[in-house]
Amino acid sequence: MNYLAHIYLSNGSPEALLGSMLGDFVKGDDHRHYPQEIAASILLHRKVDSFTDTHPIVIRSKRRLDPAHRHTKGIIVDMFYDHFLAADWGRYCDTPLAQFAGEVYKVLLNSPVPLPPRMQRMLPFMMADDWLSAYSHIDGIARALGGLSRRLKFPNHLDGAVTDLRRHYNELKNDFEAFFPQLESYAGQVQAAGN
């Protein structure tokens, strides 16, 4: 999953929100250097990614994409699923998306721990373009994929991937709606078990 889904699936505390974002930036055993709640949310992030990457519905979504996206299908589906979450945000959360995003940015700015350098570099762009709210629009997903395409160090076609979203919109949305409740349930079980 991508940023918005990870944040949504955390327990909502500032520490959990922070850990859910750090999951893409903290590698290996480095989570042990963080306070317990942040570390637990980093581990939740990893488990959510593993559950997602191997789920049959997600695999079906990846098969809907153009074969040119061979190495980036997982990234693309994660972004598309964040779009469907953001586009129907009121179904999942009572807090309006713009307010929720603002609260997340505030948590990141006021982090009690130093942010990894790569995240420090990303955060100003994330806030300036309000990535979390922008995901609700296809054009926002197109901009996010274009930016990611430029940052990746290998040849990719992410900047044109939004064509797949437009072409298979209803099918991908149905995939998301079938998958996301299962992911919510899984994340809740992981949290209840204490990771």
Protein backbone atom coordinates (compact mmCIF):
# COMPACT_ATOMS: atom_id res chain seq x y z
CA MET A 1 0.00 0.00 0.00
CA ASN A 2 1.00 3.62 -0.35
CA TYR A 3 1.26 6.45 2.20
CA LEU A 4 -2.42 7.26 2.72
CA ALA A 5 -3.47 3.67 3.33
CA HIS A 6 -0.59 3.05 5.74
CA ILE A 7 -1.44 6.16 7.74
CA TYR A 8 -5.14 5.28 7.77
CA LEU A 9 -4.39 1.75 9.01
CA SER A 10 -2.28 2.98 11.94
CA ASN A 11 -4.00 3.45 15.28
CA GLY A 12 -4.12 7.22 14.81
CA SER A 13 -1.72 8.31 17.54
CA PRO A 14 1.05 10.70 16.44
CA GLU A 15 3.66 7.99 17.08
CA ALA A 16 1.75 5.43 15.02
CA LEU A 17 1.23 7.92 12.18
CA LEU A 18 4.93 8.68 12.20
CA GLY A 19 5.89 5.00 12.20
CA SER A 20 3.49 4.25 9.36
CA MET A 21 5.31 6.85 7.24
CA LEU A 22 8.76 5.73 8.33
CA GLY A 23 8.09 2.19 7.11
CA ASP A 24 9.39 3.00 3.63
CA PHE A 25 12.49 4.74 4.95
CA VAL A 26 13.69 2.56 7.85
CA LYS A 27 15.34 -0.65 6.70
CA GLY A 28 16.38 -3.90 8.35
CA ASP A 29 16.64 -3.84 12.14
CA ASP A 30 16.91 -0.04 12.29
CA HIS A 31 13.34 0.09 13.67
CA ARG A 32 14.90 -0.96 17.01
CA HIS A 33 16.40 2.52 17.32
CA TYR A 34 12.92 4.08 17.63
CA PRO A 35 10.52 4.30 20.58
CA GLN A 36 8.27 1.25 20.95
CA GLU A 37 5.07 2.64 19.39
CA ILE A 38 6.92 4.06 16.39
CA ALA A 39 8.82 0.78 15.94
CA ALA A 40 5.57 -1.22 16.17
CA SER A 41 4.02 0.92 13.45
CA ILE A 42 7.07 0.48 11.22
CA LEU A 43 6.66 -3.28 11.61
CA LEU A 44 2.92 -3.01 10.89
CA HIS A 45 3.80 -1.14 7.69
CA ARG A 46 6.03 -4.04 6.61
CA LYS A 47 3.39 -6.66 7.41
CA VAL A 48 0.73 -4.70 5.53
CA ASP A 49 3.05 -4.54 2.52
CA SER A 50 3.70 -8.29 2.65
CA PHE A 51 0.00 -9.10 3.00
CA THR A 52 -0.81 -6.79 0.10
CA ASP A 53 1.93 -7.95 -2.25
CA THR A 54 0.86 -11.60 -2.04
CA HIS A 55 -2.92 -11.16 -1.99
CA PRO A 56 -4.78 -12.74 -4.94
CA ILE A 57 -6.92 -9.64 -5.53
CA VAL A 58 -3.86 -7.39 -5.69
CA ILE A 59 -2.20 -9.86 -8.05
CA ARG A 60 -5.32 -9.66 -10.21
CA SER A 61 -5.03 -5.86 -10.23
CA LYS A 62 -1.40 -6.11 -11.32
CA ARG A 63 -2.43 -8.36 -14.21
CA ARG A 64 -4.74 -5.61 -15.46
CA LEU A 65 -1.76 -3.31 -16.09
CA ASP A 66 0.21 -2.91 -19.28
CA PRO A 67 3.08 -5.44 -19.49
CA ALA A 68 5.49 -2.49 -19.96
CA HIS A 69 5.15 -1.91 -16.20
CA ARG A 70 6.65 -5.29 -15.42
CA HIS A 71 8.92 -4.16 -12.54
CA THR A 72 6.69 -1.41 -11.17
CA LYS A 73 3.23 -2.99 -11.12
CA GLY A 74 3.24 -3.19 -7.33
CA ILE A 75 4.03 0.51 -6.99
CA ILE A 76 1.32 1.42 -9.49
CA VAL A 77 -1.39 -0.68 -7.84
CA ASP A 78 -0.43 0.79 -4.44
CA MET A 79 -0.92 4.29 -5.85
CA PHE A 80 -4.18 3.38 -7.56
CA TYR A 81 -5.51 1.88 -4.34
CA ASP A 82 -4.59 5.08 -2.48
CA HIS A 83 -6.61 6.94 -5.11
CA PHE A 84 -9.69 4.83 -4.44
CA LEU A 85 -9.27 5.28 -0.69
CA ALA A 86 -8.90 9.05 -1.05
CA ALA A 87 -11.70 9.41 -3.61
CA ASP A 88 -14.18 7.72 -1.25
CA TRP A 89 -12.54 8.93 1.97
CA GLY A 90 -15.81 9.76 3.76
CA ARG A 91 -16.74 6.08 3.62
CA TYR A 92 -13.70 5.22 5.77
CA CYS A 93 -13.04 8.21 8.00
CA ASP A 94 -15.17 10.92 9.63
CA THR A 95 -12.36 13.48 9.48
CA PRO A 96 -12.32 15.27 6.10
CA LEU A 97 -9.34 14.28 3.99
CA ALA A 98 -7.81 17.78 3.84
CA GLN A 99 -7.98 18.07 7.64
CA PHE A 100 -6.57 14.55 8.08
CA ALA A 101 -3.71 15.32 5.69
CA GLY A 102 -2.95 18.56 7.54
CA GLU A 103 -2.76 16.68 10.83
CA VAL A 104 -0.37 14.14 9.30
CA TYR A 105 1.92 16.87 7.96
CA LYS A 106 1.93 18.53 11.38
CA VAL A 107 2.96 15.23 13.03
CA LEU A 108 5.79 14.82 10.53
CA LEU A 109 7.00 18.40 11.03
CA ASN A 110 6.96 17.98 14.81
CA SER A 111 8.52 14.53 14.86
CA PRO A 112 10.08 13.68 18.24
CA VAL A 113 12.77 11.72 16.39
CA PRO A 114 14.97 12.80 13.48
CA LEU A 115 13.48 11.89 10.13
CA PRO A 116 15.68 9.88 7.75
CA PRO A 117 17.45 12.17 5.24
CA ARG A 118 15.46 10.89 2.25
CA MET A 119 12.21 11.62 4.10
CA GLN A 120 13.46 15.08 5.10
CA ARG A 121 14.06 15.84 1.42
CA MET A 122 10.64 14.51 0.39
CA LEU A 123 8.50 16.17 3.07
CA PRO A 124 8.52 19.76 1.72
CA PHE A 125 7.33 18.52 -1.69
CA MET A 126 4.73 16.27 -0.11
CA MET A 127 3.30 19.17 1.87
CA ALA A 128 3.56 21.81 -0.87
CA ASP A 129 1.63 19.64 -3.30
CA ASP A 130 -0.56 18.08 -0.58
CA TRP A 131 0.03 14.58 -1.89
CA LEU A 132 -2.40 12.90 0.50
CA SER A 133 -5.36 15.01 -0.62
CA ALA A 134 -4.23 15.07 -4.26
CA TYR A 135 -4.53 11.28 -4.43
CA SER A 136 -8.31 11.74 -4.60
CA HIS A 137 -7.98 13.03 -8.18
CA ILE A 138 -6.66 11.12 -11.18
CA ASP A 139 -4.49 14.13 -12.07
CA GLY A 140 -2.98 13.98 -8.57
CA ILE A 141 -2.08 10.32 -9.08
CA ALA A 142 -0.60 11.19 -12.49
CA ARG A 143 1.60 13.89 -10.89
CA ALA A 144 2.69 11.54 -8.10
CA LEU A 145 3.60 8.79 -10.55
CA GLY A 146 5.46 11.27 -12.75
CA GLY A 147 7.49 12.51 -9.79
CA LEU A 148 8.27 8.98 -8.69
CA SER A 149 9.28 8.06 -12.23
CA ARG A 150 11.92 10.82 -12.18
CA ARG A 151 13.26 9.74 -8.78
CA LEU A 152 13.70 6.07 -9.62
CA LYS A 153 17.18 5.12 -10.72
CA PHE A 154 16.08 2.63 -13.37
CA PRO A 155 14.12 3.01 -16.62
CA ASN A 156 10.37 2.87 -16.01
CA HIS A 157 7.06 3.96 -17.51
CA LEU A 158 5.40 5.23 -14.34
CA ASP A 159 4.73 8.63 -15.88
CA GLY A 160 2.25 7.01 -18.28
CA ALA A 161 0.70 4.51 -15.87
CA VAL A 162 -2.38 6.63 -15.22
CA THR A 163 -3.59 5.42 -18.64
CA ASP A 164 -4.12 2.02 -17.02
CA LEU A 165 -6.16 3.64 -14.25
CA ARG A 166 -8.43 5.32 -16.77
CA ARG A 167 -8.72 2.21 -18.95
CA HIS A 168 -9.52 -0.21 -16.10
CA TYR A 169 -11.03 2.19 -13.57
CA ASN A 170 -14.13 0.22 -12.62
CA GLU A 171 -12.34 -3.12 -12.47
CA LEU A 172 -9.53 -1.73 -10.33
CA LYS A 173 -12.01 0.03 -8.07
CA ASN A 174 -13.92 -3.23 -7.60
CA ASP A 175 -10.63 -4.97 -6.78
CA PHE A 176 -9.84 -2.32 -4.18
CA GLU A 177 -13.28 -2.51 -2.60
CA ALA A 178 -13.02 -6.29 -2.32
CA PHE A 179 -9.48 -6.17 -0.95
CA PHE A 180 -9.45 -3.23 1.46
CA PRO A 181 -11.83 -4.62 4.11
CA GLN A 182 -9.62 -7.71 4.27
CA LEU A 183 -6.57 -5.49 4.72
CA GLU A 184 -8.31 -3.49 7.46
CA SER A 185 -9.15 -6.72 9.27
CA TYR A 186 -5.60 -8.02 8.92
CA ALA A 187 -4.07 -4.76 10.20
CA GLY A 188 -6.46 -4.80 13.18
CA GLN A 189 -5.44 -8.37 14.03
CA VAL A 190 -1.73 -7.46 13.84
CA GLN A 191 -2.28 -4.48 16.15
CA ALA A 192 -4.38 -6.51 18.59
CA ALA A 193 -1.64 -9.14 18.74
CA GLY A 194 0.93 -6.45 19.47
CA ASN A 195 2.73 -7.04 16.16
